[in-house]
């Protein structure tokens, strides 16, 4: 089944896509960057690097980290991080709904939805 994958390029070097969003969701669920990485098969180093890139890319933290100690360390999403995940998932849902007829056409072996006869593509300058 064809599916849509969304990546949002915000500015050079700052983009969000399914991997970073899933990492944020797993941090929220597990309360730890390392546990989130393990849950999605990602090394701690990669999870930490992506978390730092998200924090730096937006100029404010997506994830707050608590250093270990007597009660142990942990991580949680900030309000802005939670809002980012929700906004991305809303964009993803809206795009999937808009693209559904086209994706269904591709699954059926056609390029366009409808009768299967695609219109010629015009190239513009």
N, C-alpha and C. Protein backbone atom coordinates (compact mmCIF):
# COMPACT_ATOMS: atom_id res chain seq x y z
N UNK A 1 0.84 -1.18 0.00
CA UNK A 1 0.00 0.00 0.00
C UNK A 1 0.88 1.24 0.00
N UNK A 2 0.61 2.15 -0.90
CA UNK A 2 1.38 3.40 -0.97
C UNK A 2 1.07 4.25 0.25
N UNK A 3 2.07 4.91 0.77
CA UNK A 3 1.84 5.83 1.89
C UNK A 3 2.69 7.06 1.69
N UNK A 4 2.29 8.11 2.33
CA UNK A 4 2.94 9.40 2.20
C UNK A 4 3.89 9.61 3.37
N UNK A 5 5.06 10.15 3.11
CA UNK A 5 6.01 10.50 4.15
C UNK A 5 6.31 11.99 4.01
N UNK A 6 6.18 12.72 5.10
CA UNK A 6 6.31 14.17 5.06
C UNK A 6 7.60 14.60 5.76
N UNK A 7 8.36 15.45 5.08
CA UNK A 7 9.51 16.11 5.69
C UNK A 7 9.29 17.61 5.49
N UNK A 8 9.48 18.35 6.56
CA UNK A 8 9.28 19.80 6.51
C UNK A 8 10.65 20.46 6.63
N UNK A 9 11.04 21.18 5.57
CA UNK A 9 12.29 21.93 5.59
C UNK A 9 11.96 23.34 6.07
N UNK A 10 12.44 23.68 7.25
CA UNK A 10 12.11 24.97 7.85
C UNK A 10 13.10 26.05 7.45
N UNK A 11 14.35 25.72 7.49
CA UNK A 11 15.42 26.60 7.03
C UNK A 11 16.63 25.72 6.82
N UNK A 12 17.66 26.20 6.15
CA UNK A 12 18.82 25.34 5.91
C UNK A 12 19.32 24.69 7.21
N UNK A 13 19.43 23.40 7.18
CA UNK A 13 19.93 22.67 8.34
C UNK A 13 18.90 22.40 9.41
N UNK A 14 17.67 22.83 9.22
CA UNK A 14 16.63 22.59 10.22
C UNK A 14 15.41 22.00 9.53
N UNK A 15 15.23 20.71 9.73
CA UNK A 15 14.08 20.03 9.14
C UNK A 15 13.53 19.03 10.14
N UNK A 16 12.25 18.75 9.95
CA UNK A 16 11.61 17.71 10.77
C UNK A 16 10.95 16.72 9.83
N UNK A 17 10.96 15.49 10.26
CA UNK A 17 10.36 14.43 9.48
C UNK A 17 9.94 13.30 10.40
N UNK A 18 9.57 12.19 9.82
CA UNK A 18 9.04 11.08 10.62
C UNK A 18 9.99 10.57 11.70
N UNK A 19 11.28 10.52 11.40
CA UNK A 19 12.24 10.00 12.39
C UNK A 19 12.36 10.87 13.62
N UNK A 20 12.52 12.17 13.43
CA UNK A 20 12.65 13.08 14.58
C UNK A 20 11.35 13.15 15.38
N UNK A 21 10.23 13.13 14.67
CA UNK A 21 8.94 13.18 15.36
C UNK A 21 8.74 11.91 16.17
N UNK A 22 9.06 10.76 15.59
CA UNK A 22 8.94 9.51 16.33
C UNK A 22 9.85 9.52 17.55
N UNK A 23 11.06 10.05 17.41
CA UNK A 23 11.97 10.14 18.56
C UNK A 23 11.35 11.00 19.66
N UNK A 24 10.79 12.15 19.30
CA UNK A 24 10.15 13.01 20.30
C UNK A 24 8.99 12.28 20.98
N UNK A 25 8.19 11.56 20.21
CA UNK A 25 7.08 10.80 20.79
C UNK A 25 7.58 9.74 21.76
N UNK A 26 8.67 9.08 21.41
CA UNK A 26 9.21 8.03 22.28
C UNK A 26 9.84 8.63 23.54
N UNK A 27 10.45 9.81 23.42
CA UNK A 27 10.97 10.49 24.62
C UNK A 27 9.81 10.80 25.55
N UNK A 28 8.71 11.31 25.00
CA UNK A 28 7.53 11.61 25.82
C UNK A 28 6.99 10.35 26.48
N UNK A 29 6.98 9.25 25.74
CA UNK A 29 6.44 8.00 26.27
C UNK A 29 7.35 7.36 27.31
N UNK A 30 8.66 7.36 27.06
CA UNK A 30 9.60 6.62 27.92
C UNK A 30 10.29 7.49 28.96
N UNK A 31 10.27 8.81 28.79
CA UNK A 31 10.90 9.69 29.77
C UNK A 31 12.42 9.64 29.76
N UNK A 32 12.99 9.22 28.65
CA UNK A 32 14.44 9.06 28.55
C UNK A 32 14.85 9.06 27.09
N UNK A 33 15.96 9.74 26.80
CA UNK A 33 16.48 9.74 25.43
C UNK A 33 17.02 8.36 25.08
N UNK A 34 17.72 7.74 25.99
CA UNK A 34 18.28 6.41 25.69
C UNK A 34 17.17 5.37 25.51
N UNK A 35 16.15 5.39 26.35
CA UNK A 35 15.04 4.44 26.21
C UNK A 35 14.28 4.70 24.92
N UNK A 36 14.11 5.96 24.56
CA UNK A 36 13.44 6.30 23.31
C UNK A 36 14.23 5.76 22.12
N UNK A 37 15.54 5.95 22.14
CA UNK A 37 16.39 5.43 21.08
C UNK A 37 16.28 3.92 20.96
N UNK A 38 16.34 3.24 22.10
CA UNK A 38 16.23 1.77 22.09
C UNK A 38 14.88 1.33 21.51
N UNK A 39 13.82 2.05 21.85
CA UNK A 39 12.48 1.68 21.41
C UNK A 39 12.34 1.72 19.89
N UNK A 40 13.13 2.57 19.25
CA UNK A 40 13.03 2.67 17.78
C UNK A 40 14.29 2.16 17.07
N UNK A 41 15.14 1.47 17.82
CA UNK A 41 16.33 0.87 17.21
C UNK A 41 17.40 1.87 16.84
N UNK A 42 17.52 2.93 17.62
CA UNK A 42 18.49 4.00 17.34
C UNK A 42 19.51 4.04 18.48
N UNK A 43 20.75 4.28 18.15
CA UNK A 43 21.78 4.37 19.18
C UNK A 43 21.53 5.59 20.06
N UNK A 44 22.05 5.51 21.28
CA UNK A 44 21.91 6.65 22.19
C UNK A 44 22.58 7.87 21.59
N UNK A 45 23.74 7.69 20.99
CA UNK A 45 24.46 8.82 20.40
C UNK A 45 23.64 9.50 19.30
N UNK A 46 23.02 8.70 18.45
CA UNK A 46 22.19 9.26 17.37
C UNK A 46 20.96 9.97 17.94
N UNK A 47 20.34 9.36 18.93
CA UNK A 47 19.16 9.98 19.57
C UNK A 47 19.55 11.30 20.22
N UNK A 48 20.67 11.32 20.90
CA UNK A 48 21.15 12.55 21.56
C UNK A 48 21.47 13.62 20.51
N UNK A 49 22.13 13.24 19.43
CA UNK A 49 22.49 14.18 18.37
C UNK A 49 21.24 14.79 17.74
N UNK A 50 20.24 13.97 17.46
CA UNK A 50 18.99 14.48 16.88
C UNK A 50 18.26 15.40 17.86
N UNK A 51 18.27 15.03 19.12
CA UNK A 51 17.63 15.87 20.15
C UNK A 51 18.31 17.23 20.23
N UNK A 52 19.62 17.23 20.23
CA UNK A 52 20.37 18.49 20.26
C UNK A 52 20.12 19.32 19.00
N UNK A 53 20.03 18.66 17.85
CA UNK A 53 19.75 19.37 16.59
C UNK A 53 18.37 20.01 16.64
N UNK A 54 17.40 19.32 17.19
CA UNK A 54 16.05 19.89 17.32
C UNK A 54 16.08 21.10 18.25
N UNK A 55 16.72 20.96 19.38
CA UNK A 55 16.80 22.08 20.33
C UNK A 55 17.49 23.29 19.70
N UNK A 56 18.59 23.06 19.01
CA UNK A 56 19.34 24.16 18.40
C UNK A 56 18.60 24.76 17.22
N UNK A 57 17.96 23.91 16.42
CA UNK A 57 17.30 24.37 15.21
C UNK A 57 16.15 25.32 15.45
N UNK A 58 15.50 25.18 16.57
CA UNK A 58 14.36 26.04 16.88
C UNK A 58 14.73 27.16 17.84
N UNK A 59 15.96 27.16 18.32
CA UNK A 59 16.39 28.22 19.22
C UNK A 59 15.79 28.14 20.60
N UNK A 60 15.11 27.07 20.87
CA UNK A 60 14.58 26.81 22.20
C UNK A 60 14.38 25.32 22.35
N UNK A 61 14.39 24.86 23.58
CA UNK A 61 14.38 23.41 23.78
C UNK A 61 13.06 22.74 23.40
N UNK A 62 13.20 21.60 22.76
CA UNK A 62 12.08 20.68 22.51
C UNK A 62 12.03 19.66 23.63
N UNK A 63 13.24 19.36 24.13
CA UNK A 63 13.41 18.33 25.16
C UNK A 63 14.20 18.94 26.31
N UNK A 64 13.71 18.72 27.51
CA UNK A 64 14.45 19.11 28.72
C UNK A 64 15.04 17.85 29.33
N UNK A 65 16.30 17.94 29.70
CA UNK A 65 17.01 16.78 30.23
C UNK A 65 17.32 17.02 31.69
N UNK A 66 17.11 16.00 32.51
CA UNK A 66 17.49 16.03 33.92
C UNK A 66 18.66 15.09 34.08
N UNK A 67 19.78 15.61 34.56
CA UNK A 67 20.98 14.81 34.77
C UNK A 67 20.72 13.80 35.89
N UNK A 68 21.33 12.62 35.76
CA UNK A 68 21.17 11.57 36.76
C UNK A 68 21.59 12.00 38.15
N UNK A 69 21.28 11.24 39.07
CA UNK A 69 21.59 11.51 40.47
C UNK A 69 20.84 10.49 41.30
N UNK A 70 20.48 10.88 42.49
CA UNK A 70 19.78 9.98 43.39
C UNK A 70 18.48 9.45 42.76
N UNK A 71 17.74 10.33 42.11
CA UNK A 71 16.47 9.90 41.50
C UNK A 71 16.63 9.48 40.04
N UNK A 72 17.86 9.50 39.54
CA UNK A 72 18.11 9.11 38.16
C UNK A 72 17.84 10.26 37.20
N UNK A 73 18.31 10.10 35.99
CA UNK A 73 18.11 11.13 34.98
C UNK A 73 16.81 10.92 34.24
N UNK A 74 16.62 11.73 33.26
CA UNK A 74 15.41 11.58 32.46
C UNK A 74 15.30 12.71 31.46
N UNK A 75 14.27 12.65 30.68
CA UNK A 75 14.03 13.67 29.68
C UNK A 75 12.52 13.78 29.47
N UNK A 76 12.09 14.97 29.10
CA UNK A 76 10.67 15.17 28.80
C UNK A 76 10.55 16.25 27.74
N UNK A 77 9.45 16.21 27.02
CA UNK A 77 9.21 17.24 26.02
C UNK A 77 8.77 18.53 26.72
N UNK A 78 9.22 19.63 26.17
CA UNK A 78 8.71 20.93 26.62
C UNK A 78 7.33 21.12 25.99
N UNK A 79 6.63 22.16 26.42
CA UNK A 79 5.33 22.47 25.81
C UNK A 79 5.51 22.71 24.31
N UNK A 80 6.59 23.39 23.94
CA UNK A 80 6.84 23.65 22.52
C UNK A 80 7.12 22.36 21.76
N UNK A 81 7.85 21.44 22.38
CA UNK A 81 8.10 20.14 21.76
C UNK A 81 6.82 19.36 21.54
N UNK A 82 5.93 19.38 22.52
CA UNK A 82 4.63 18.73 22.39
C UNK A 82 3.82 19.36 21.27
N UNK A 83 3.83 20.69 21.20
CA UNK A 83 3.10 21.41 20.15
C UNK A 83 3.68 21.08 18.77
N UNK A 84 4.99 20.95 18.67
CA UNK A 84 5.63 20.60 17.40
C UNK A 84 5.15 19.24 16.91
N UNK A 85 5.12 18.26 17.80
CA UNK A 85 4.67 16.91 17.44
C UNK A 85 3.22 16.98 16.96
N UNK A 86 2.37 17.69 17.69
CA UNK A 86 0.96 17.79 17.29
C UNK A 86 0.81 18.48 15.94
N UNK A 87 1.56 19.55 15.72
CA UNK A 87 1.48 20.27 14.44
C UNK A 87 1.95 19.38 13.29
N UNK A 88 3.03 18.67 13.49
CA UNK A 88 3.54 17.78 12.44
C UNK A 88 2.51 16.70 12.13
N UNK A 89 1.95 16.07 13.16
CA UNK A 89 0.96 15.01 12.93
C UNK A 89 -0.29 15.57 12.24
N UNK A 90 -0.67 16.80 12.52
CA UNK A 90 -1.82 17.43 11.84
C UNK A 90 -1.49 17.68 10.37
N UNK A 91 -0.28 18.15 10.09
CA UNK A 91 0.16 18.34 8.70
C UNK A 91 0.14 17.00 7.97
N UNK A 92 0.67 15.99 8.61
CA UNK A 92 0.74 14.66 8.03
C UNK A 92 -0.66 14.12 7.71
N UNK A 93 -1.60 14.28 8.63
CA UNK A 93 -2.97 13.80 8.43
C UNK A 93 -3.65 14.54 7.29
N UNK A 94 -3.49 15.87 7.24
CA UNK A 94 -4.10 16.67 6.18
C UNK A 94 -3.52 16.30 4.82
N UNK A 95 -2.22 16.10 4.76
CA UNK A 95 -1.58 15.74 3.50
C UNK A 95 -2.00 14.35 3.06
N UNK A 96 -2.10 13.42 4.00
CA UNK A 96 -2.53 12.05 3.66
C UNK A 96 -3.95 12.05 3.12
N UNK A 97 -4.81 12.84 3.72
CA UNK A 97 -6.20 12.92 3.24
C UNK A 97 -6.25 13.50 1.83
N UNK A 98 -5.49 14.56 1.59
CA UNK A 98 -5.47 15.18 0.27
C UNK A 98 -4.86 14.26 -0.78
N UNK A 99 -3.89 13.47 -0.38
CA UNK A 99 -3.19 12.60 -1.33
C UNK A 99 -3.85 11.24 -1.52
N UNK A 100 -4.83 10.89 -0.69
CA UNK A 100 -5.43 9.55 -0.72
C UNK A 100 -5.89 9.12 -2.11
N UNK A 101 -6.59 9.95 -2.88
CA UNK A 101 -7.01 9.49 -4.22
C UNK A 101 -5.83 9.16 -5.13
N UNK A 102 -4.78 9.94 -5.03
CA UNK A 102 -3.59 9.71 -5.85
C UNK A 102 -2.86 8.45 -5.41
N UNK A 103 -2.74 8.25 -4.10
CA UNK A 103 -2.08 7.05 -3.58
C UNK A 103 -2.89 5.81 -3.94
N UNK A 104 -4.21 5.90 -3.85
CA UNK A 104 -5.06 4.77 -4.24
C UNK A 104 -4.87 4.45 -5.73
N UNK A 105 -4.74 5.49 -6.55
CA UNK A 105 -4.48 5.28 -7.97
C UNK A 105 -3.16 4.58 -8.20
N UNK A 106 -2.15 4.98 -7.47
CA UNK A 106 -0.85 4.32 -7.60
C UNK A 106 -0.93 2.86 -7.19
N UNK A 107 -1.66 2.60 -6.10
CA UNK A 107 -1.83 1.21 -5.66
C UNK A 107 -2.56 0.38 -6.71
N UNK A 108 -3.46 1.03 -7.44
CA UNK A 108 -4.23 0.32 -8.47
C UNK A 108 -3.44 0.18 -9.77
N UNK A 109 -2.24 0.76 -9.81
CA UNK A 109 -1.42 0.65 -11.00
C UNK A 109 -1.63 1.77 -11.99
N UNK A 110 -2.28 2.83 -11.56
CA UNK A 110 -2.47 4.00 -12.40
C UNK A 110 -1.71 5.17 -11.80
N UNK A 111 -1.50 6.18 -12.58
CA UNK A 111 -0.77 7.34 -12.08
C UNK A 111 -1.71 8.38 -11.51
N UNK A 112 -2.92 8.45 -12.05
CA UNK A 112 -3.90 9.43 -11.57
C UNK A 112 -5.15 8.71 -11.10
N UNK A 113 -5.89 9.28 -10.17
CA UNK A 113 -7.14 8.65 -9.75
C UNK A 113 -8.18 8.77 -10.86
N UNK A 114 -9.18 7.96 -10.81
CA UNK A 114 -10.24 8.05 -11.80
C UNK A 114 -10.17 6.91 -12.78
N UNK A 115 -10.25 7.23 -14.09
CA UNK A 115 -10.34 6.19 -15.11
C UNK A 115 -9.00 5.57 -15.48
N UNK A 116 -7.93 6.02 -14.86
CA UNK A 116 -6.62 5.43 -15.15
C UNK A 116 -5.91 6.05 -16.32
N UNK A 117 -6.57 6.95 -17.00
CA UNK A 117 -5.93 7.63 -18.14
C UNK A 117 -5.35 8.95 -17.64
N UNK A 118 -4.06 9.02 -17.49
CA UNK A 118 -3.41 10.23 -16.99
C UNK A 118 -3.30 11.30 -18.05
N UNK A 119 -3.43 12.53 -17.64
CA UNK A 119 -3.25 13.66 -18.55
C UNK A 119 -1.77 13.91 -18.74
N UNK A 120 -1.39 14.44 -19.89
CA UNK A 120 0.04 14.74 -20.10
C UNK A 120 0.50 15.79 -19.09
N UNK A 121 1.75 15.69 -18.72
CA UNK A 121 2.34 16.63 -17.77
C UNK A 121 2.94 17.79 -18.55
N UNK A 122 2.55 19.00 -18.17
CA UNK A 122 3.13 20.18 -18.78
C UNK A 122 4.33 20.62 -17.98
N UNK A 123 5.37 20.96 -18.65
CA UNK A 123 6.57 21.48 -17.98
C UNK A 123 6.57 22.98 -18.13
N UNK A 124 6.85 23.64 -17.00
CA UNK A 124 6.91 25.10 -17.04
C UNK A 124 8.34 25.52 -16.77
N UNK A 125 8.65 26.68 -17.31
CA UNK A 125 9.93 27.18 -17.35
C UNK A 125 10.90 27.42 -16.40
